[in-house]
Amino acid sequence: MATTNTALDAGALEQLFTEARTYPGWQDRPVTDETLRRIYELARMAPTAVNSQPVRLVFVKSREAKERLKPALSPGNVDKTMQAPVTVIVAYDTAFHEQMPKLFPARDMKSVFAAMTPEAREQSAFMNGSLQGAYVILAARALGLDCGPMGGFDKAKVDEAFLQGTGWKSNFLINLGYGDAAKLFPRNPRLSFEDACRLV
C-alpha cells in the first residue's frame, strides 16, 4: 500500500538520533525474545543491494553464552557486555547468494554473485551486512531500547565459539537493553555539515 511520508516529530528524532547515546551501563531489566524478534522484523525491511539481506544475528542472552563470549572481548568491553541483557553478534553470511532465488525472484542474481570472486562477494556481504547492522540499532531504539555498538573483540574467537560451520563471519557487536543514564559519559562532538559534506 502506497503511503505519503511525513517528517517524524521531534520526540521520535530525539529517540532515534539526537538524544540517543551509546550506553556503557545497564538497568537490571530483561529484554524479551519477542522484542528481539520485532527488532529483526523491522530491520529486515530496510534496503540492501538487490535485497541480498546478508546480515545474520546471534542474540547472546544466557549466562553460559555470555561466558563463551567473554574471552573474545577486549578488557574495556568485558563489564559492559557481561552486564547487558543481550549482546548481538552482527555477522554476515559469505554464502548469502544461495538465498537470492527467494529474495530476488525477478532475476537470476544467484548466478551473478556466484560468478564474482570470493573476495568481491564477501565485500558485498560485509557492506550490506554493516548497513543492516545499523538498521538493527535504529529498530532497537524505535522499540524503546538503548544500544552499545562496539568493536573491540577478537573476531576469530567469536567465529569459533558461535559461528563455526555456518559460513557466517562476525562484523561488530551491539549490547542491548535499557541504559543506565548515570553511567553515561559526556557526549563527544560531531563534525559539522561544512566539515563532512559537499553540495555539488
C-alpha atoms as a PDB file:
ATOM      1  CA  MET A   1       0.000   0.000   0.000  1.00  0.00           C
ATOM      2  CA  ALA A   2       1.471   3.339  -1.053  1.00  0.00           C
ATOM      3  CA  THR A   3       1.937   5.915   1.674  1.00  0.00           C
ATOM      4  CA  THR A   4       2.942   9.546   1.792  1.00  0.00           C
ATOM      5  CA  ASN A   5       5.859  10.051   4.142  1.00  0.00           C
ATOM      6  CA  THR A   6       5.788  12.847   6.686  1.00  0.00           C
ATOM      7  CA  ALA A   7       8.615  14.067   8.898  1.00  0.00           C
ATOM      8  CA  LEU A   8       8.858  12.390  12.293  1.00  0.00           C
ATOM      9  CA  ASP A   9       8.110  14.572  15.270  1.00  0.00           C
ATOM     10  CA  ALA A  10      10.855  15.964  17.491  1.00  0.00           C
ATOM     11  CA  GLY A  11      10.412  13.253  20.116  1.00  0.00           C
ATOM     12  CA  ALA A  12      10.947  10.466  17.600  1.00  0.00           C
ATOM     13  CA  LEU A  13      14.024  12.166  16.148  1.00  0.00           C
ATOM     14  CA  GLU A  14      15.457  12.584  19.637  1.00  0.00           C
ATOM     15  CA  GLN A  15      14.867   8.892  20.447  1.00  0.00           C
ATOM     16  CA  LEU A  16      16.472   7.693  17.232  1.00  0.00           C
ATOM     17  CA  PHE A  17      19.271  10.241  16.823  1.00  0.00           C
ATOM     18  CA  THR A  18      19.843  13.482  18.709  1.00  0.00           C
ATOM     19  CA  GLU A  19      19.347  12.242  22.287  1.00  0.00           C
ATOM     20  CA  ALA A  20      20.259   8.593  21.691  1.00  0.00           C
ATOM     21  CA  ARG A  21      23.528   7.543  23.310  1.00  0.00           C
ATOM     22  CA  THR A  22      25.984   4.661  23.322  1.00  0.00           C
ATOM     23  CA  TYR A  23      25.431   3.082  26.735  1.00  0.00           C
ATOM     24  CA  PRO A  24      28.218   1.503  28.817  1.00  0.00           C
ATOM     25  CA  GLY A  25      25.927   0.556  31.724  1.00  0.00           C
ATOM     26  CA  TRP A  26      22.560  -1.115  32.007  1.00  0.00           C
ATOM     27  CA  GLN A  27      19.483  -1.317  34.189  1.00  0.00           C
ATOM     28  CA  ASP A  28      18.529  -4.709  35.565  1.00  0.00           C
ATOM     29  CA  ARG A  29      15.622  -5.129  33.138  1.00  0.00           C
ATOM     30  CA  PRO A  30      15.267  -8.080  30.761  1.00  0.00           C
ATOM     31  CA  VAL A  31      14.737  -7.862  27.021  1.00  0.00           C
ATOM     32  CA  THR A  32      12.133 -10.348  25.815  1.00  0.00           C
ATOM     33  CA  ASP A  33      12.582 -12.739  22.923  1.00  0.00           C
ATOM     34  CA  GLU A  34       9.510 -11.164  21.336  1.00  0.00           C
ATOM     35  CA  THR A  35      11.238  -7.767  21.352  1.00  0.00           C
ATOM     36  CA  LEU A  36      14.301  -9.283  19.666  1.00  0.00           C
ATOM     37  CA  ARG A  37      12.044 -10.786  17.002  1.00  0.00           C
ATOM     38  CA  ARG A  38      10.418  -7.385  16.453  1.00  0.00           C
ATOM     39  CA  ILE A  39      13.833  -5.759  16.057  1.00  0.00           C
ATOM     40  CA  TYR A  40      14.692  -8.172  13.273  1.00  0.00           C
ATOM     41  CA  GLU A  41      11.260  -7.905  11.636  1.00  0.00           C
ATOM     42  CA  LEU A  42      11.734  -4.132  11.387  1.00  0.00           C
ATOM     43  CA  ALA A  43      15.385  -4.172  10.346  1.00  0.00           C
ATOM     44  CA  ARG A  44      14.879  -6.711   7.565  1.00  0.00           C
ATOM     45  CA  MET A  45      12.505  -4.351   5.738  1.00  0.00           C
ATOM     46  CA  ALA A  46      15.161  -1.695   5.106  1.00  0.00           C
ATOM     47  CA  PRO A  47      17.082  -1.702   1.802  1.00  0.00           C
ATOM     48  CA  THR A  48      20.084  -3.766   0.777  1.00  0.00           C
ATOM     49  CA  ALA A  49      21.632  -4.236  -2.664  1.00  0.00           C
ATOM     50  CA  VAL A  50      19.225  -6.343  -4.769  1.00  0.00           C
ATOM     51  CA  ASN A  51      17.533  -7.329  -1.499  1.00  0.00           C
ATOM     52  CA  SER A  52      20.507  -9.541  -0.642  1.00  0.00           C
ATOM     53  CA  GLN A  53      19.980  -9.354   3.149  1.00  0.00           C
ATOM     54  CA  PRO A  54      23.331 -10.912   4.163  1.00  0.00           C
ATOM     55  CA  VAL A  55      23.142  -9.959   7.845  1.00  0.00           C
ATOM     56  CA  ARG A  56      22.969 -12.787  10.364  1.00  0.00           C
ATOM     57  CA  LEU A  57      22.330 -12.097  14.046  1.00  0.00           C
ATOM     58  CA  VAL A  58      23.209 -14.122  17.117  1.00  0.00           C
ATOM     59  CA  PHE A  59      21.428 -12.832  20.237  1.00  0.00           C
ATOM     60  CA  VAL A  60      23.641 -13.764  23.171  1.00  0.00           C
ATOM     61  CA  LYS A  61      21.406 -13.820  26.263  1.00  0.00           C
ATOM     62  CA  SER A  62      22.148 -16.730  28.559  1.00  0.00           C
ATOM     63  CA  ARG A  63      24.846 -16.639  31.227  1.00  0.00           C
ATOM     64  CA  GLU A  64      26.503 -19.656  29.620  1.00  0.00           C
ATOM     65  CA  ALA A  65      26.625 -17.942  26.221  1.00  0.00           C
ATOM     66  CA  LYS A  66      27.946 -14.730  27.760  1.00  0.00           C
ATOM     67  CA  GLU A  67      30.763 -16.714  29.361  1.00  0.00           C
ATOM     68  CA  ARG A  68      31.636 -18.158  25.944  1.00  0.00           C
ATOM     69  CA  LEU A  69      31.754 -14.620  24.547  1.00  0.00           C
ATOM     70  CA  LYS A  70      33.820 -13.161  27.404  1.00  0.00           C
ATOM     71  CA  PRO A  71      37.286 -14.449  26.334  1.00  0.00           C
ATOM     72  CA  ALA A  72      36.895 -12.720  22.962  1.00  0.00           C
ATOM     73  CA  LEU A  73      36.242  -9.278  24.449  1.00  0.00           C
ATOM     74  CA  SER A  74      38.785  -6.506  24.861  1.00  0.00           C
ATOM     75  CA  PRO A  75      39.296  -5.715  28.566  1.00  0.00           C
ATOM     76  CA  GLY A  76      37.406  -2.431  28.348  1.00  0.00           C
ATOM     77  CA  ASN A  77      34.331  -4.150  26.908  1.00  0.00           C
ATOM     78  CA  VAL A  78      34.015  -7.020  29.401  1.00  0.00           C
ATOM     79  CA  ASP A  79      31.986  -5.443  32.214  1.00  0.00           C
ATOM     80  CA  LYS A  80      29.529  -3.575  29.990  1.00  0.00           C
ATOM     81  CA  THR A  81      28.926  -6.693  27.895  1.00  0.00           C
ATOM     82  CA  MET A  82      28.511  -9.088  30.783  1.00  0.00           C
ATOM     83  CA  GLN A  83      26.034  -6.680  32.392  1.00  0.00           C
ATOM     84  CA  ALA A  84      23.982  -6.067  29.241  1.00  0.00           C
ATOM     85  CA  PRO A  85      20.789  -8.136  28.988  1.00  0.00           C
ATOM     86  CA  VAL A  86      21.605  -9.051  25.369  1.00  0.00           C
ATOM     87  CA  THR A  87      24.658  -8.823  23.149  1.00  0.00           C
ATOM     88  CA  VAL A  88      24.051  -9.115  19.425  1.00  0.00           C
ATOM     89  CA  ILE A  89      26.753 -10.618  17.263  1.00  0.00           C
ATOM     90  CA  VAL A  90      26.189  -8.817  13.964  1.00  0.00           C
ATOM     91  CA  ALA A  91      27.556 -11.166  11.313  1.00  0.00           C
ATOM     92  CA  TYR A  92      27.294 -11.608   7.565  1.00  0.00           C
ATOM     93  CA  ASP A  93      26.782 -14.758   5.530  1.00  0.00           C
ATOM     94  CA  THR A  94      29.504 -15.415   2.970  1.00  0.00           C
ATOM     95  CA  ALA A  95      27.042 -17.717   1.153  1.00  0.00           C
ATOM     96  CA  PHE A  96      24.227 -15.149   1.166  1.00  0.00           C
ATOM     97  CA  HIS A  97      23.780 -15.565  -2.595  1.00  0.00           C
ATOM     98  CA  GLU A  98      22.259 -19.007  -2.053  1.00  0.00           C
ATOM     99  CA  GLN A  99      19.129 -17.202  -0.831  1.00  0.00           C
ATOM    100  CA  MET A 100      18.827 -14.953  -3.877  1.00  0.00           C
ATOM    101  CA  PRO A 101      16.208 -17.048  -5.748  1.00  0.00           C
ATOM    102  CA  LYS A 102      13.877 -16.442  -2.808  1.00  0.00           C
ATOM    103  CA  LEU A 103      14.892 -12.843  -2.145  1.00  0.00           C
ATOM    104  CA  PHE A 104      15.086 -11.550  -5.730  1.00  0.00           C
ATOM    105  CA  PRO A 105      12.879 -13.781  -7.901  1.00  0.00           C
ATOM    106  CA  ALA A 106      12.683 -11.279 -10.764  1.00  0.00           C
ATOM    107  CA  ARG A 107      16.232 -12.077 -11.927  1.00  0.00           C
ATOM    108  CA  ASP A 108      18.897 -14.736 -11.520  1.00  0.00           C
ATOM    109  CA  MET A 109      21.109 -12.834  -9.088  1.00  0.00           C
ATOM    110  CA  LYS A 110      22.439 -16.041  -7.556  1.00  0.00           C
ATOM    111  CA  SER A 111      24.460 -16.695 -10.720  1.00  0.00           C
ATOM    112  CA  VAL A 112      25.657 -13.084 -10.824  1.00  0.00           C
ATOM    113  CA  PHE A 113      27.057 -13.300  -7.297  1.00  0.00           C
ATOM    114  CA  ALA A 114      28.384 -16.825  -7.832  1.00  0.00           C
ATOM    115  CA  ALA A 115      30.409 -15.568 -10.809  1.00  0.00           C
ATOM    116  CA  MET A 116      32.174 -12.978  -8.650  1.00  0.00           C
ATOM    117  CA  THR A 117      35.473 -13.654  -6.962  1.00  0.00           C
ATOM    118  CA  PRO A 118      35.044 -14.804  -3.348  1.00  0.00           C
ATOM    119  CA  GLU A 119      36.636 -11.529  -2.246  1.00  0.00           C
ATOM    120  CA  ALA A 120      34.176  -9.377  -4.200  1.00  0.00           C
ATOM    121  CA  ARG A 121      31.228 -11.444  -2.999  1.00  0.00           C
ATOM    122  CA  GLU A 122      32.373 -11.139   0.616  1.00  0.00           C
ATOM    123  CA  GLN A 123      32.827  -7.389   0.227  1.00  0.00           C
ATOM    124  CA  SER A 124      29.185  -7.139  -0.851  1.00  0.00           C
ATOM    125  CA  ALA A 125      28.126  -9.237   2.137  1.00  0.00           C
ATOM    126  CA  PHE A 126      30.210  -7.102   4.502  1.00  0.00           C
ATOM    127  CA  MET A 127      28.918  -3.803   3.120  1.00  0.00           C
ATOM    128  CA  ASN A 128      25.254  -4.756   3.117  1.00  0.00           C
ATOM    129  CA  GLY A 129      25.542  -6.610   6.425  1.00  0.00           C
ATOM    130  CA  SER A 130      27.061  -3.484   8.002  1.00  0.00           C
ATOM    131  CA  LEU A 131      24.166  -1.458   6.645  1.00  0.00           C
ATOM    132  CA  GLN A 132      21.724  -3.913   8.177  1.00  0.00           C
ATOM    133  CA  GLY A 133      23.566  -3.764  11.487  1.00  0.00           C
ATOM    134  CA  ALA A 134      22.864  -0.035  11.563  1.00  0.00           C
ATOM    135  CA  TYR A 135      19.202  -0.764  10.865  1.00  0.00           C
ATOM    136  CA  VAL A 136      19.202  -3.079  13.903  1.00  0.00           C
ATOM    137  CA  ILE A 137      20.358  -0.170  16.068  1.00  0.00           C
ATOM    138  CA  LEU A 138      17.591   2.083  14.762  1.00  0.00           C
ATOM    139  CA  ALA A 139      14.962  -0.637  15.142  1.00  0.00           C
ATOM    140  CA  ALA A 140      16.039  -1.290  18.735  1.00  0.00           C
ATOM    141  CA  ARG A 141      15.893   2.410  19.555  1.00  0.00           C
ATOM    142  CA  ALA A 142      12.492   2.698  17.886  1.00  0.00           C
ATOM    143  CA  LEU A 143      11.223  -0.037  20.229  1.00  0.00           C
ATOM    144  CA  GLY A 144      12.475   1.786  23.308  1.00  0.00           C
ATOM    145  CA  LEU A 145      15.788   0.011  23.839  1.00  0.00           C
ATOM    146  CA  ASP A 146      19.241   1.510  24.200  1.00  0.00           C
ATOM    147  CA  CYS A 147      22.310   0.295  22.320  1.00  0.00           C
ATOM    148  CA  GLY A 148      26.033  -0.022  22.829  1.00  0.00           C
ATOM    149  CA  PRO A 149      27.599  -0.912  19.465  1.00  0.00           C
ATOM    150  CA  MET A 150      31.288  -1.782  19.613  1.00  0.00           C
ATOM    151  CA  GLY A 151      34.307  -3.342  18.036  1.00  0.00           C
ATOM    152  CA  GLY A 152      36.998  -4.299  20.487  1.00  0.00           C
ATOM    153  CA  PHE A 153      36.760  -8.075  20.253  1.00  0.00           C
ATOM    154  CA  ASP A 154      38.622 -10.985  18.684  1.00  0.00           C
ATOM    155  CA  LYS A 155      36.620 -11.931  15.598  1.00  0.00           C
ATOM    156  CA  ALA A 156      38.348 -15.280  15.192  1.00  0.00           C
ATOM    157  CA  LYS A 157      37.398 -16.281  18.740  1.00  0.00           C
ATOM    158  CA  VAL A 158      33.782 -15.195  18.263  1.00  0.00           C
ATOM    159  CA  ASP A 159      33.535 -17.037  14.969  1.00  0.00           C
ATOM    160  CA  GLU A 160      34.952 -20.180  16.527  1.00  0.00           C
ATOM    161  CA  ALA A 161      32.693 -20.025  19.580  1.00  0.00           C
ATOM    162  CA  PHE A 162      29.422 -19.083  17.870  1.00  0.00           C
ATOM    163  CA  LEU A 163      29.614 -19.323  14.064  1.00  0.00           C
ATOM    164  CA  GLN A 164      31.637 -22.435  13.346  1.00  0.00           C
ATOM    165  CA  GLY A 165      30.338 -24.412  10.365  1.00  0.00           C
ATOM    166  CA  THR A 166      27.881 -21.714   9.231  1.00  0.00           C
ATOM    167  CA  GLY A 167      29.827 -19.648   6.687  1.00  0.00           C
ATOM    168  CA  TRP A 168      28.920 -16.601   8.798  1.00  0.00           C
ATOM    169  CA  LYS A 169      31.598 -14.088   9.876  1.00  0.00           C
ATOM    170  CA  SER A 170      31.336 -11.619  12.740  1.00  0.00           C
ATOM    171  CA  ASN A 171      31.385  -7.907  11.977  1.00  0.00           C
ATOM    172  CA  PHE A 172      30.618  -5.996  15.191  1.00  0.00           C
ATOM    173  CA  LEU A 173      28.735  -6.344  18.475  1.00  0.00           C
ATOM    174  CA  ILE A 174      25.754  -4.455  19.907  1.00  0.00           C
ATOM    175  CA  ASN A 175      24.861  -4.516  23.579  1.00  0.00           C
ATOM    176  CA  LEU A 176      21.103  -4.118  24.007  1.00  0.00           C
ATOM    177  CA  GLY A 177      18.961  -3.248  26.980  1.00  0.00           C
ATOM    178  CA  TYR A 178      17.665  -0.314  28.986  1.00  0.00           C
ATOM    179  CA  GLY A 179      20.581   2.008  29.591  1.00  0.00           C
ATOM    180  CA  ASP A 180      21.686   3.355  32.946  1.00  0.00           C
ATOM    181  CA  ALA A 181      21.915   7.107  32.346  1.00  0.00           C
ATOM    182  CA  ALA A 182      24.031   7.563  35.490  1.00  0.00           C
ATOM    183  CA  LYS A 183      26.877   5.739  33.727  1.00  0.00           C
ATOM    184  CA  LEU A 184      26.893   7.856  30.577  1.00  0.00           C
ATOM    185  CA  PHE A 185      29.951   9.867  29.642  1.00  0.00           C
ATOM    186  CA  PRO A 186      29.624  13.418  28.236  1.00  0.00           C
ATOM    187  CA  ARG A 187      28.709  13.370  24.571  1.00  0.00           C
ATOM    188  CA  ASN A 188      31.637  13.902  22.231  1.00  0.00           C
ATOM    189  CA  PRO A 189      31.470  16.488  19.432  1.00  0.00           C
ATOM    190  CA  ARG A 190      30.269  15.683  15.929  1.00  0.00           C
ATOM    191  CA  LEU A 191      31.583  17.089  12.678  1.00  0.00           C
ATOM    192  CA  SER A 192      29.611  19.946  11.185  1.00  0.00           C
ATOM    193  CA  PHE A 193      27.928  19.768   7.795  1.00  0.00           C
ATOM    194  CA  GLU A 194      30.686  22.017   6.440  1.00  0.00           C
ATOM    195  CA  ASP A 195      33.388  19.684   7.729  1.00  0.00           C
ATOM    196  CA  ALA A 196      31.860  16.453   6.427  1.00  0.00           C
ATOM    197  CA  CYS A 197      29.689  17.261   3.428  1.00  0.00           C
ATOM    198  CA  ARG A 198      29.785  18.777  -0.042  1.00  0.00           C
ATOM    199  CA  LEU A 199      26.971  20.131  -2.189  1.00  0.00           C
ATOM    200  CA  VAL A 200      27.849  19.716  -5.867  1.00  0.00           C
END
